[in-house]
């Protein structure tokens, strides 16, 4: 699928499924870190100062931050509406590669589960522009590891039923993400990985797991088959959600 095809798919998907990324990541919990949003917020300075949350979706990270001001920006009107319905914001519809914000306007920029969907270098350049010297970027993206041997079972189910465990425009490993961040003029402070287990104890769990995946080109029949196959697994089985967290700083001077 080309870039325009992905943009149409993502617009339609989030228009019909606003808030689903938050629902899925709230369901996947790490024993020590909590949710992925807790893990992301833990990398943000306290206080976070003036925060800009790019591709913010329903703004699930906002309540976890200690900030002076907050602005969420997302391309999906449905996600922006979901954030407003949850009492979060302010949030507005906008283009994350052209934020219409002054230079050096933010102390902290966060990007949750979105860099793999966006023009990477253009987005990071815009982040560098709006960050103040010494300001922090914290972002999380899907990763391919860490995994545990039992994880191969539910992942195999998705491969058989869907032709793969979901899709995305870009796969961002630590090397590519680190190089792109440095090229934008930001200094990488850390790149860390964690596995967040997604329980598959009930049919509702399995349905959410499949619906939360980007599955362009797959049919509703394939998705129903995948959810039904996950339900048949032992109730103790977990779907892994491996994530990569980037923390970077705009240099001073």
Protein backbone atom coordinates (compact mmCIF):
# COMPACT_ATOMS: atom_id res chain seq x y z
CA UNK A 1 0.00 0.00 0.00
CA UNK A 2 1.39 3.43 -0.94
CA UNK A 3 1.45 6.49 1.29
CA UNK A 4 -1.87 7.88 0.09
CA UNK A 5 -3.53 4.49 0.49
CA UNK A 6 -2.28 4.30 4.07
CA UNK A 7 -3.58 7.77 4.85
CA UNK A 8 -7.04 6.86 3.55
CA UNK A 9 -7.00 3.60 5.51
CA UNK A 10 -5.92 5.28 8.75
CA UNK A 11 -8.50 8.04 8.38
CA UNK A 12 -11.28 5.49 7.87
CA UNK A 13 -10.01 3.18 10.61
CA UNK A 14 -9.75 5.82 13.32
CA UNK A 15 -12.98 7.42 12.17
CA UNK A 16 -14.74 4.13 12.89
CA UNK A 17 -12.64 3.09 15.91
CA UNK A 18 -11.84 6.23 17.88
CA UNK A 19 -10.17 5.43 21.19
CA UNK A 20 -9.33 1.83 20.30
CA UNK A 21 -5.57 2.26 20.69
CA UNK A 22 -6.11 3.55 24.22
CA UNK A 23 -8.46 0.65 24.99
CA UNK A 24 -5.92 -1.92 23.76
CA UNK A 25 -2.89 -0.43 25.51
CA UNK A 26 -4.79 0.02 28.77
CA UNK A 27 -5.56 -3.71 28.59
CA UNK A 28 -1.88 -4.67 28.17
CA UNK A 29 -0.13 -4.25 31.53
CA UNK A 30 3.44 -4.82 32.66
CA UNK A 31 3.99 -6.01 36.24
CA UNK A 32 6.46 -3.19 36.98
CA UNK A 33 5.71 -0.42 34.49
CA UNK A 34 1.91 -0.55 34.35
CA UNK A 35 0.54 0.40 30.94
CA UNK A 36 2.50 1.64 27.96
CA UNK A 37 1.22 5.13 28.75
CA UNK A 38 2.61 4.90 32.28
CA UNK A 39 5.95 3.80 30.83
CA UNK A 40 5.93 6.71 28.40
CA UNK A 41 5.01 9.23 31.09
CA UNK A 42 7.78 7.91 33.33
CA UNK A 43 10.31 9.14 30.74
CA UNK A 44 8.95 12.69 30.82
CA UNK A 45 10.48 15.29 33.18
CA UNK A 46 8.42 16.28 36.21
CA UNK A 47 7.22 18.93 35.88
CA UNK A 48 6.86 18.60 32.11
CA UNK A 49 6.26 22.32 31.51
CA UNK A 50 4.46 23.16 28.26
CA UNK A 51 3.51 19.87 26.57
CA UNK A 52 2.60 19.19 22.94
CA UNK A 53 1.14 15.73 22.34
CA UNK A 54 1.44 14.81 18.65
CA UNK A 55 -0.91 12.32 17.00
CA UNK A 56 -2.49 12.30 20.44
CA UNK A 57 -5.56 10.18 19.65
CA UNK A 58 -7.85 10.24 22.68
CA UNK A 59 -5.06 11.85 24.80
CA UNK A 60 -4.51 8.89 27.16
CA UNK A 61 -1.11 10.15 28.34
CA UNK A 62 -2.36 13.58 29.44
CA UNK A 63 -3.73 12.54 32.88
CA UNK A 64 -0.37 10.94 33.68
CA UNK A 65 1.67 14.12 33.18
CA UNK A 66 2.55 16.99 35.51
CA UNK A 67 2.37 19.94 33.12
CA UNK A 68 1.93 23.70 32.99
CA UNK A 69 0.04 23.68 29.68
CA UNK A 70 -1.05 20.92 27.33
CA UNK A 71 -2.02 20.84 23.64
CA UNK A 72 -3.00 17.68 21.77
CA UNK A 73 -2.92 17.54 17.96
CA UNK A 74 -4.32 14.72 15.83
CA UNK A 75 -5.37 14.34 12.21
CA UNK A 76 -8.55 12.40 13.09
CA UNK A 77 -11.65 14.45 13.98
CA UNK A 78 -13.14 11.33 15.59
CA UNK A 79 -10.13 10.89 17.90
CA UNK A 80 -10.23 14.58 18.79
CA UNK A 81 -13.92 14.20 19.64
CA UNK A 82 -13.14 11.15 21.78
CA UNK A 83 -10.56 13.14 23.71
CA UNK A 84 -13.07 15.91 24.30
CA UNK A 85 -15.72 13.44 25.43
CA UNK A 86 -13.22 12.09 27.98
CA UNK A 87 -12.66 15.60 29.35
CA UNK A 88 -9.13 15.88 27.96
CA UNK A 89 -7.50 18.64 26.04
CA UNK A 90 -7.34 21.21 24.67
CA UNK A 91 -6.94 19.19 21.50
CA UNK A 92 -7.31 20.14 17.86
CA UNK A 93 -7.21 18.63 14.39
CA UNK A 94 -3.92 19.34 12.68
CA UNK A 95 -0.97 18.13 10.64
CA UNK A 96 1.93 16.95 12.79
CA UNK A 97 4.42 17.87 10.07
CA UNK A 98 3.15 21.47 10.05
CA UNK A 99 2.07 22.30 13.59
CA UNK A 100 1.35 26.01 13.10
CA UNK A 101 3.16 26.69 16.38
CA UNK A 102 5.99 29.17 17.04
CA UNK A 103 9.58 27.99 17.25
CA UNK A 104 10.76 26.82 20.68
CA UNK A 105 7.26 26.71 22.14
CA UNK A 106 7.30 23.38 24.02
CA UNK A 107 9.28 21.96 26.92
CA UNK A 108 8.06 18.44 26.17
CA UNK A 109 6.77 16.69 23.05
CA UNK A 110 5.23 13.24 23.33
CA UNK A 111 4.31 10.90 20.49
CA UNK A 112 2.52 7.70 21.43
CA UNK A 113 2.21 4.84 18.91
CA UNK A 114 2.35 7.11 15.87
CA UNK A 115 5.88 7.63 14.49
CA UNK A 116 5.55 4.42 12.45
CA UNK A 117 2.53 5.99 10.71
CA UNK A 118 4.03 9.41 9.96
CA UNK A 119 6.66 10.87 7.61
CA UNK A 120 9.52 10.19 10.02
CA UNK A 121 12.10 12.81 9.13
CA UNK A 122 9.55 15.59 8.57
CA UNK A 123 7.85 14.85 11.89
CA UNK A 124 11.10 14.80 13.85
CA UNK A 125 12.24 18.03 12.19
CA UNK A 126 9.02 19.70 13.32
CA UNK A 127 9.51 18.31 16.83
CA UNK A 128 13.02 19.77 16.93
CA UNK A 129 11.69 23.13 15.74
CA UNK A 130 9.00 23.47 18.43
CA UNK A 131 11.09 22.16 21.32
CA UNK A 132 12.91 24.67 23.48
CA UNK A 133 16.63 24.10 24.07
CA UNK A 134 16.87 21.43 26.73
CA UNK A 135 13.35 20.20 25.90
CA UNK A 136 12.46 16.52 25.79
CA UNK A 137 10.90 14.25 23.17
CA UNK A 138 9.43 10.99 24.50
CA UNK A 139 7.88 8.50 22.09
CA UNK A 140 6.83 4.87 21.91
CA UNK A 141 6.44 2.69 18.81
CA UNK A 142 5.68 -1.00 18.21
CA UNK A 143 8.72 -3.29 18.22
CA UNK A 144 9.42 -6.85 17.13
CA UNK A 145 10.94 -7.91 20.46
CA UNK A 146 11.30 -8.73 23.35
CA UNK A 147 9.25 -11.92 23.06
CA UNK A 148 8.93 -15.11 25.08
CA UNK A 149 8.67 -18.62 23.59
CA UNK A 150 4.94 -18.98 24.43
CA UNK A 151 4.28 -15.72 22.52
CA UNK A 152 4.84 -17.60 19.26
CA UNK A 153 1.51 -19.38 19.70
CA UNK A 154 -0.87 -16.36 19.51
CA UNK A 155 1.42 -14.66 17.01
CA UNK A 156 1.24 -17.79 14.86
CA UNK A 157 -2.54 -17.67 15.02
CA UNK A 158 -2.51 -14.11 13.68
CA UNK A 159 -0.06 -15.03 10.92
CA UNK A 160 -2.22 -17.94 9.78
CA UNK A 161 -5.53 -16.07 9.98
CA UNK A 162 -4.44 -12.62 8.87
CA UNK A 163 -1.26 -13.23 6.93
CA UNK A 164 0.72 -11.46 9.66
CA UNK A 165 0.30 -9.83 13.09
CA UNK A 166 -1.06 -6.58 11.64
CA UNK A 167 0.60 -4.06 9.34
CA UNK A 168 2.00 -0.55 9.47
CA UNK A 169 3.59 1.88 7.01
CA UNK A 170 7.07 1.74 8.61
CA UNK A 171 8.91 -0.67 10.89
CA UNK A 172 11.09 1.41 13.20
CA UNK A 173 13.97 -0.34 14.90
CA UNK A 174 16.28 1.35 17.37
CA UNK A 175 19.00 2.05 14.78
CA UNK A 176 16.72 3.69 12.25
CA UNK A 177 14.88 5.67 14.91
CA UNK A 178 18.13 6.77 16.55
CA UNK A 179 19.67 7.88 13.25
CA UNK A 180 16.56 9.81 12.22
CA UNK A 181 16.36 11.52 15.60
CA UNK A 182 20.01 12.58 15.44
CA UNK A 183 19.55 13.81 11.87
CA UNK A 184 16.78 16.10 13.12
CA UNK A 185 19.24 17.72 15.53
CA UNK A 186 18.08 15.95 18.69
CA UNK A 187 20.34 14.10 21.10
CA UNK A 188 19.19 10.56 21.90
CA UNK A 189 19.23 9.92 25.65
CA UNK A 190 17.81 6.41 25.67
CA UNK A 191 16.24 3.68 23.54
CA UNK A 192 14.55 1.02 25.67
CA UNK A 193 12.33 -2.00 24.98
CA UNK A 194 9.66 -3.71 27.05
CA UNK A 195 7.05 -6.41 26.52
CA UNK A 196 3.51 -5.60 27.65
CA UNK A 197 1.31 -8.72 27.95
CA UNK A 198 -2.21 -8.51 26.54
CA UNK A 199 -4.47 -11.09 28.29
CA UNK A 200 -6.67 -13.27 26.11
CA UNK A 201 -8.96 -14.62 28.83
CA UNK A 202 -12.32 -13.79 27.22
CA UNK A 203 -13.91 -13.45 23.76
CA UNK A 204 -14.02 -9.69 24.31
CA UNK A 205 -10.24 -9.70 24.87
CA UNK A 206 -9.67 -11.57 21.61
CA UNK A 207 -12.01 -9.29 19.70
CA UNK A 208 -10.23 -6.17 21.01
CA UNK A 209 -6.83 -7.66 20.18
CA UNK A 210 -7.79 -8.17 16.54
CA UNK A 211 -9.73 -4.93 16.10
CA UNK A 212 -6.81 -2.91 17.50
CA UNK A 213 -4.49 -4.15 14.74
CA UNK A 214 -4.04 -2.30 11.46
CA UNK A 215 -5.20 -4.91 8.93
CA UNK A 216 -5.57 -3.25 5.51
CA UNK A 217 -6.60 -5.66 2.78
CA UNK A 218 -7.94 -8.23 5.21
CA UNK A 219 -11.60 -9.15 5.18
CA UNK A 220 -14.05 -9.10 8.07
CA UNK A 221 -14.17 -12.89 7.72
CA UNK A 222 -10.40 -13.11 8.29
CA UNK A 223 -10.64 -10.88 11.34
CA UNK A 224 -13.51 -12.90 12.82
CA UNK A 225 -11.54 -16.09 12.16
CA UNK A 226 -8.50 -14.64 13.96
CA UNK A 227 -10.55 -13.59 16.99
CA UNK A 228 -12.25 -17.00 17.15
CA UNK A 229 -8.89 -18.77 16.97
CA UNK A 230 -7.47 -16.64 19.79
CA UNK A 231 -10.49 -17.50 21.95
CA UNK A 232 -9.72 -21.21 21.57
CA UNK A 233 -6.26 -20.77 23.11
CA UNK A 234 -5.79 -21.54 26.84
CA UNK A 235 -7.17 -18.69 28.95
CA UNK A 236 -3.72 -18.11 30.45
CA UNK A 237 -2.29 -17.22 27.03
CA UNK A 238 -1.10 -13.66 26.41
CA UNK A 239 -0.56 -11.73 23.21
CA UNK A 240 2.75 -9.86 23.43
CA UNK A 241 2.87 -6.11 22.83
CA UNK A 242 6.59 -5.33 22.50
CA UNK A 243 7.38 -1.62 22.47
CA UNK A 244 10.37 0.62 21.85
CA UNK A 245 10.68 3.87 23.82
CA UNK A 246 12.74 6.82 22.60
CA UNK A 247 13.83 9.69 24.80
CA UNK A 248 15.71 12.55 23.16
CA UNK A 249 16.63 16.14 24.03
CA UNK A 250 17.12 19.28 21.99
CA UNK A 251 20.67 20.41 22.81
CA UNK A 252 21.26 23.70 24.58
CA UNK A 253 23.39 26.14 22.62
